[in-house]
Amino acid sequence: MRDYASVPKRIAHPEAGLLEFDIEIVTAPHAPDQHLVVYTVEPDSSTARVLPILASWATPESALTGPQD
């Protein structure tokens, strides 16, 4: 079993178009059923430029933190 892998990932987003990521996958040496998966993008790529726009479409922060009494 390998403890590290790096693979490309392409996602066809219905609104933003094609998103391209590099994925780094690390497996813990003493816990082979656990994996850390990190998505990265090339700086100044079309994916890097559109991610902040997609993030702005997220649920409002108040919905994430719960009711404010």
N, C-alpha and C. Protein backbone atom coordinates (compact mmCIF):
# COMPACT_ATOMS: atom_id res chain seq x y z
N MET A 1 0.84 -1.18 0.00
CA MET A 1 0.00 0.00 0.00
C MET A 1 0.88 1.25 0.00
N ARG A 2 0.57 2.21 -0.85
CA ARG A 2 1.31 3.47 -0.89
C ARG A 2 0.78 4.41 0.18
N ASP A 3 1.65 5.25 0.73
CA ASP A 3 1.21 6.20 1.75
C ASP A 3 1.00 7.61 1.19
N TYR A 4 1.23 7.77 -0.15
CA TYR A 4 1.07 9.09 -0.76
C TYR A 4 0.68 8.90 -2.23
N ALA A 5 -0.21 9.75 -2.71
CA ALA A 5 -0.57 9.75 -4.14
C ALA A 5 -0.90 11.18 -4.55
N SER A 6 -0.63 11.47 -5.79
CA SER A 6 -0.96 12.78 -6.36
C SER A 6 -1.65 12.53 -7.69
N VAL A 7 -2.86 13.05 -7.83
CA VAL A 7 -3.64 12.81 -9.05
C VAL A 7 -4.35 14.09 -9.48
N PRO A 8 -4.56 14.25 -10.78
CA PRO A 8 -5.36 15.39 -11.24
C PRO A 8 -6.85 15.07 -11.12
N LYS A 9 -7.67 16.09 -10.95
CA LYS A 9 -9.12 15.91 -10.85
C LYS A 9 -9.78 17.03 -11.63
N ARG A 10 -10.71 16.67 -12.50
CA ARG A 10 -11.48 17.65 -13.27
C ARG A 10 -12.94 17.49 -12.89
N ILE A 11 -13.59 18.61 -12.60
CA ILE A 11 -15.00 18.62 -12.21
C ILE A 11 -15.74 19.57 -13.15
N ALA A 12 -16.79 19.07 -13.76
CA ALA A 12 -17.62 19.91 -14.63
C ALA A 12 -18.73 20.52 -13.79
N HIS A 13 -18.54 21.76 -13.36
CA HIS A 13 -19.52 22.47 -12.54
C HIS A 13 -20.60 23.02 -13.47
N PRO A 14 -21.88 22.87 -13.10
CA PRO A 14 -22.95 23.30 -14.00
C PRO A 14 -22.98 24.81 -14.26
N GLU A 15 -22.48 25.61 -13.37
CA GLU A 15 -22.50 27.07 -13.55
C GLU A 15 -21.11 27.63 -13.87
N ALA A 16 -20.08 27.11 -13.22
CA ALA A 16 -18.74 27.68 -13.34
C ALA A 16 -17.90 27.04 -14.45
N GLY A 17 -18.37 25.94 -14.99
CA GLY A 17 -17.62 25.27 -16.05
C GLY A 17 -16.62 24.28 -15.50
N LEU A 18 -15.58 24.03 -16.27
CA LEU A 18 -14.59 23.03 -15.90
C LEU A 18 -13.67 23.56 -14.81
N LEU A 19 -13.55 22.80 -13.72
CA LEU A 19 -12.65 23.14 -12.62
C LEU A 19 -11.56 22.06 -12.59
N GLU A 20 -10.30 22.50 -12.50
CA GLU A 20 -9.18 21.57 -12.51
C GLU A 20 -8.38 21.69 -11.21
N PHE A 21 -8.21 20.55 -10.54
CA PHE A 21 -7.51 20.49 -9.26
C PHE A 21 -6.38 19.48 -9.33
N ASP A 22 -5.39 19.64 -8.47
CA ASP A 22 -4.42 18.60 -8.17
C ASP A 22 -4.81 18.09 -6.80
N ILE A 23 -4.85 16.78 -6.64
CA ILE A 23 -5.24 16.19 -5.36
C ILE A 23 -4.04 15.45 -4.79
N GLU A 24 -3.74 15.76 -3.54
CA GLU A 24 -2.69 15.07 -2.81
C GLU A 24 -3.37 14.21 -1.75
N ILE A 25 -3.05 12.93 -1.73
CA ILE A 25 -3.68 12.00 -0.78
C ILE A 25 -2.57 11.38 0.06
N VAL A 26 -2.68 11.53 1.37
CA VAL A 26 -1.70 10.99 2.29
C VAL A 26 -2.41 10.00 3.21
N THR A 27 -1.81 8.84 3.39
CA THR A 27 -2.34 7.82 4.30
C THR A 27 -1.46 7.79 5.55
N ALA A 28 -2.10 7.81 6.71
CA ALA A 28 -1.35 7.75 7.96
C ALA A 28 -0.68 6.37 8.08
N PRO A 29 0.60 6.32 8.45
CA PRO A 29 1.31 5.03 8.47
C PRO A 29 0.74 4.02 9.47
N HIS A 30 0.19 4.48 10.57
CA HIS A 30 -0.34 3.56 11.58
C HIS A 30 -1.86 3.49 11.56
N ALA A 31 -2.48 4.14 10.60
CA ALA A 31 -3.94 4.11 10.47
C ALA A 31 -4.28 4.09 8.97
N PRO A 32 -4.05 2.96 8.31
CA PRO A 32 -4.21 2.91 6.86
C PRO A 32 -5.63 3.17 6.36
N ASP A 33 -6.61 3.17 7.26
CA ASP A 33 -7.99 3.46 6.84
C ASP A 33 -8.30 4.96 6.90
N GLN A 34 -7.32 5.77 7.32
CA GLN A 34 -7.51 7.22 7.37
C GLN A 34 -6.66 7.89 6.29
N HIS A 35 -7.28 8.86 5.61
CA HIS A 35 -6.59 9.57 4.53
C HIS A 35 -6.80 11.07 4.67
N LEU A 36 -5.78 11.82 4.38
CA LEU A 36 -5.88 13.28 4.28
C LEU A 36 -5.89 13.59 2.79
N VAL A 37 -6.93 14.28 2.34
CA VAL A 37 -7.07 14.63 0.93
C VAL A 37 -7.04 16.15 0.82
N VAL A 38 -6.11 16.67 0.03
CA VAL A 38 -5.94 18.10 -0.14
C VAL A 38 -6.11 18.45 -1.62
N TYR A 39 -7.03 19.35 -1.91
CA TYR A 39 -7.24 19.85 -3.28
C TYR A 39 -6.47 21.16 -3.41
N THR A 40 -5.66 21.28 -4.45
CA THR A 40 -4.95 22.52 -4.73
C THR A 40 -5.21 22.94 -6.17
N VAL A 41 -4.98 24.21 -6.44
CA VAL A 41 -5.12 24.74 -7.81
C VAL A 41 -3.87 25.54 -8.15
N GLU A 42 -3.60 25.66 -9.43
CA GLU A 42 -2.50 26.49 -9.90
C GLU A 42 -2.87 27.96 -9.69
N PRO A 43 -1.96 28.76 -9.14
CA PRO A 43 -2.24 30.19 -8.99
C PRO A 43 -2.54 30.81 -10.35
N ASP A 44 -3.46 31.73 -10.36
CA ASP A 44 -3.86 32.47 -11.57
C ASP A 44 -4.52 31.59 -12.64
N SER A 45 -4.88 30.36 -12.29
CA SER A 45 -5.61 29.50 -13.25
C SER A 45 -7.07 29.93 -13.27
N SER A 46 -7.80 29.47 -14.26
CA SER A 46 -9.23 29.80 -14.32
C SER A 46 -9.96 29.24 -13.10
N THR A 47 -9.53 28.08 -12.61
CA THR A 47 -10.16 27.51 -11.41
C THR A 47 -9.89 28.40 -10.20
N ALA A 48 -8.65 28.86 -10.05
CA ALA A 48 -8.31 29.74 -8.92
C ALA A 48 -9.11 31.04 -8.97
N ARG A 49 -9.37 31.54 -10.16
CA ARG A 49 -10.13 32.79 -10.29
C ARG A 49 -11.62 32.60 -9.97
N VAL A 50 -12.17 31.43 -10.25
CA VAL A 50 -13.61 31.23 -10.05
C VAL A 50 -13.95 30.74 -8.64
N LEU A 51 -13.00 30.16 -7.91
CA LEU A 51 -13.31 29.63 -6.57
C LEU A 51 -13.83 30.70 -5.60
N PRO A 52 -13.27 31.91 -5.55
CA PRO A 52 -13.85 32.93 -4.65
C PRO A 52 -15.30 33.27 -5.02
N ILE A 53 -15.61 33.24 -6.29
CA ILE A 53 -16.99 33.51 -6.71
C ILE A 53 -17.91 32.41 -6.22
N LEU A 54 -17.48 31.16 -6.38
CA LEU A 54 -18.29 30.03 -5.89
C LEU A 54 -18.44 30.10 -4.37
N ALA A 55 -17.38 30.47 -3.67
CA ALA A 55 -17.46 30.57 -2.21
C ALA A 55 -18.44 31.65 -1.78
N SER A 56 -18.58 32.70 -2.57
CA SER A 56 -19.50 33.77 -2.20
C SER A 56 -20.96 33.33 -2.32
N TRP A 57 -21.20 32.24 -3.02
CA TRP A 57 -22.56 31.71 -3.15
C TRP A 57 -22.94 30.83 -1.97
N ALA A 58 -22.03 30.60 -1.03
CA ALA A 58 -22.26 29.70 0.10
C ALA A 58 -23.37 30.22 1.01
N THR A 59 -23.81 29.36 1.89
CA THR A 59 -24.83 29.70 2.88
C THR A 59 -24.32 30.84 3.75
N PRO A 60 -25.18 31.78 4.10
CA PRO A 60 -24.75 32.88 4.99
C PRO A 60 -24.13 32.35 6.27
N GLU A 61 -23.16 33.08 6.79
CA GLU A 61 -22.44 32.65 7.98
C GLU A 61 -23.37 32.39 9.16
N SER A 62 -24.41 33.18 9.33
CA SER A 62 -25.32 32.99 10.47
C SER A 62 -25.98 31.62 10.43
N ALA A 63 -26.21 31.07 9.25
CA ALA A 63 -26.81 29.75 9.14
C ALA A 63 -25.80 28.67 9.55
N LEU A 64 -24.51 28.94 9.38
CA LEU A 64 -23.49 27.97 9.74
C LEU A 64 -23.22 27.95 11.23
N THR A 65 -23.36 29.10 11.90
CA THR A 65 -23.05 29.18 13.33
C THR A 65 -24.27 28.94 14.21
N GLY A 66 -25.43 28.89 13.64
CA GLY A 66 -26.64 28.64 14.41
C GLY A 66 -27.32 29.93 14.83
N PRO A 67 -28.44 29.82 15.54
CA PRO A 67 -29.19 31.00 15.94
C PRO A 67 -28.38 31.88 16.90
N GLN A 68 -28.56 33.18 16.77
CA GLN A 68 -27.90 34.15 17.65
C GLN A 68 -28.94 34.74 18.59
N ASP A 69 -28.98 34.27 19.83
CA ASP A 69 -29.95 34.76 20.81
C ASP A 69 -29.43 35.92 21.60
